[in-house]
Amino acid sequence: QLSLGPGGFVSLLEQTAAVTHTRVIGKPSREFYNAALSVVGVTNPAHVVMVGDDVVGDVKGALDAGLGRALLVKTGKYVHGDELGRKTEGVLPTLTVDSIVEAVDHICSTFDGL
């Protein structure tokens, strides 16, 4: 299945806005996570939990950026076996859960007030 990545859209926006020097950042780059943390005023990424269904973009990206925990949810992009580290150079999710509800329950039950 073919799908259009961001390049075509960026090119269209550049031409429309007469801008030639754009920079696209996104998961799993450390720069993306640092920018997101900065926007919400987080100074210690170790206090942040990432919840996502993409083992590379969400889990590995978050842990590589220094976030404290990364929970993998078995929905959306999740593929059976993603939690085993084959796609992430051995980086493993902190926890793998069946649903976002289970992820939130886990976070709430382990919240230490930081």
Protein backbone atom coordinates (compact mmCIF):
# COMPACT_ATOMS: atom_id res chain seq x y z
CA GLN A 1 0.00 0.00 0.00
CA LEU A 2 1.38 3.38 -0.99
CA SER A 3 0.95 6.45 1.16
CA LEU A 4 2.16 10.02 0.90
CA GLY A 5 4.65 11.10 3.54
CA PRO A 6 5.07 14.66 4.80
CA GLY A 7 7.46 15.69 2.01
CA GLY A 8 4.74 16.38 -0.55
CA PHE A 9 2.72 18.43 1.90
CA VAL A 10 5.78 20.39 3.02
CA SER A 11 6.67 21.14 -0.59
CA LEU A 12 3.13 22.35 -1.27
CA LEU A 13 3.17 24.60 1.80
CA GLU A 14 6.60 25.96 0.89
CA GLN A 15 5.44 26.89 -2.60
CA THR A 16 2.17 28.37 -1.37
CA ALA A 17 3.83 30.47 1.34
CA ALA A 18 6.94 31.32 -0.72
CA VAL A 19 9.12 29.78 1.98
CA THR A 20 12.17 27.72 1.07
CA HIS A 21 13.84 26.78 4.34
CA THR A 22 11.51 24.58 6.30
CA ARG A 23 12.51 21.97 8.81
CA VAL A 24 10.28 19.05 9.67
CA ILE A 25 10.73 17.31 12.99
CA GLY A 26 8.73 14.46 14.40
CA LYS A 27 8.84 11.25 16.32
CA PRO A 28 11.10 9.52 17.05
CA SER A 29 13.63 12.40 17.04
CA ARG A 30 14.96 13.68 20.35
CA GLU A 31 14.41 17.20 19.00
CA PHE A 32 10.66 16.50 18.71
CA TYR A 33 10.40 15.28 22.30
CA ASN A 34 12.50 18.17 23.64
CA ALA A 35 10.31 20.69 21.80
CA ALA A 36 7.13 19.08 23.16
CA LEU A 37 8.47 19.09 26.71
CA SER A 38 9.53 22.71 26.38
CA VAL A 39 6.09 23.79 25.18
CA VAL A 40 4.43 22.33 28.27
CA GLY A 41 7.15 23.55 30.63
CA VAL A 42 8.66 20.22 31.65
CA THR A 43 12.23 20.60 32.88
CA ASN A 44 12.87 17.01 33.90
CA PRO A 45 11.92 14.48 31.21
CA ALA A 46 12.46 11.63 33.68
CA HIS A 47 9.11 12.66 35.23
CA VAL A 48 7.22 12.11 31.97
CA VAL A 49 5.38 9.01 30.79
CA MET A 50 4.80 8.44 27.07
CA VAL A 51 1.80 6.33 26.12
CA GLY A 52 1.62 5.17 22.53
CA ASP A 53 0.90 2.40 20.07
CA ASP A 54 4.03 2.82 17.93
CA VAL A 55 6.99 0.93 19.36
CA VAL A 56 9.55 2.92 17.34
CA GLY A 57 8.10 6.44 17.27
CA ASP A 58 6.50 6.42 20.69
CA VAL A 59 8.38 3.96 22.89
CA LYS A 60 11.94 4.04 21.53
CA GLY A 61 11.73 7.75 20.70
CA ALA A 62 10.56 8.64 24.19
CA LEU A 63 13.08 6.49 26.01
CA ASP A 64 15.94 7.67 23.77
CA ALA A 65 14.90 11.25 24.61
CA GLY A 66 15.19 10.51 28.32
CA LEU A 67 11.54 10.23 29.27
CA GLY A 68 11.02 8.25 32.45
CA ARG A 69 8.65 5.60 31.15
CA ALA A 70 7.09 4.54 27.86
CA LEU A 71 3.95 2.42 27.84
CA LEU A 72 3.03 0.48 24.71
CA VAL A 73 -0.70 0.13 24.08
CA LYS A 74 -1.92 -2.81 22.00
CA THR A 75 -4.09 -0.69 19.72
CA GLY A 76 -3.67 1.20 16.43
CA LYS A 77 -0.18 0.65 15.00
CA TYR A 78 0.70 -2.09 17.49
CA VAL A 79 1.70 -5.42 15.94
CA HIS A 80 1.88 -8.61 17.98
CA GLY A 81 5.45 -8.96 19.25
CA ASP A 82 6.36 -5.24 19.13
CA GLU A 83 7.09 -5.38 22.85
CA LEU A 84 9.98 -7.82 22.30
CA GLY A 85 12.45 -5.18 21.06
CA ARG A 86 13.08 -6.55 17.55
CA LYS A 87 12.23 -3.24 15.86
CA THR A 88 13.87 -1.03 18.50
CA GLU A 89 17.43 -2.30 18.82
CA GLY A 90 16.51 -3.97 22.09
CA VAL A 91 14.80 -0.94 23.65
CA LEU A 92 11.77 -2.30 25.48
CA PRO A 93 8.60 -0.58 26.64
CA THR A 94 8.36 -0.02 30.37
CA LEU A 95 5.03 -1.82 30.25
CA THR A 96 2.73 -3.18 27.55
CA VAL A 97 -1.01 -2.81 28.16
CA ASP A 98 -4.19 -3.71 26.30
CA SER A 99 -5.83 -0.26 26.35
CA ILE A 100 -5.37 3.42 27.08
CA VAL A 101 -7.61 2.91 30.12
CA GLU A 102 -5.18 0.32 31.47
CA ALA A 103 -2.27 2.71 30.79
CA VAL A 104 -3.96 5.53 32.70
CA ASP A 105 -4.82 3.18 35.58
CA HIS A 106 -1.17 2.10 35.76
CA ILE A 107 0.10 5.68 35.72
CA CYS A 108 -2.36 6.73 38.42
CA SER A 109 -1.52 3.75 40.62
CA THR A 110 2.23 4.39 40.40
CA PHE A 111 2.18 8.21 40.57
CA ASP A 112 4.65 9.31 43.22
CA GLY A 113 3.79 13.01 43.33
CA LEU A 114 6.69 14.29 41.23
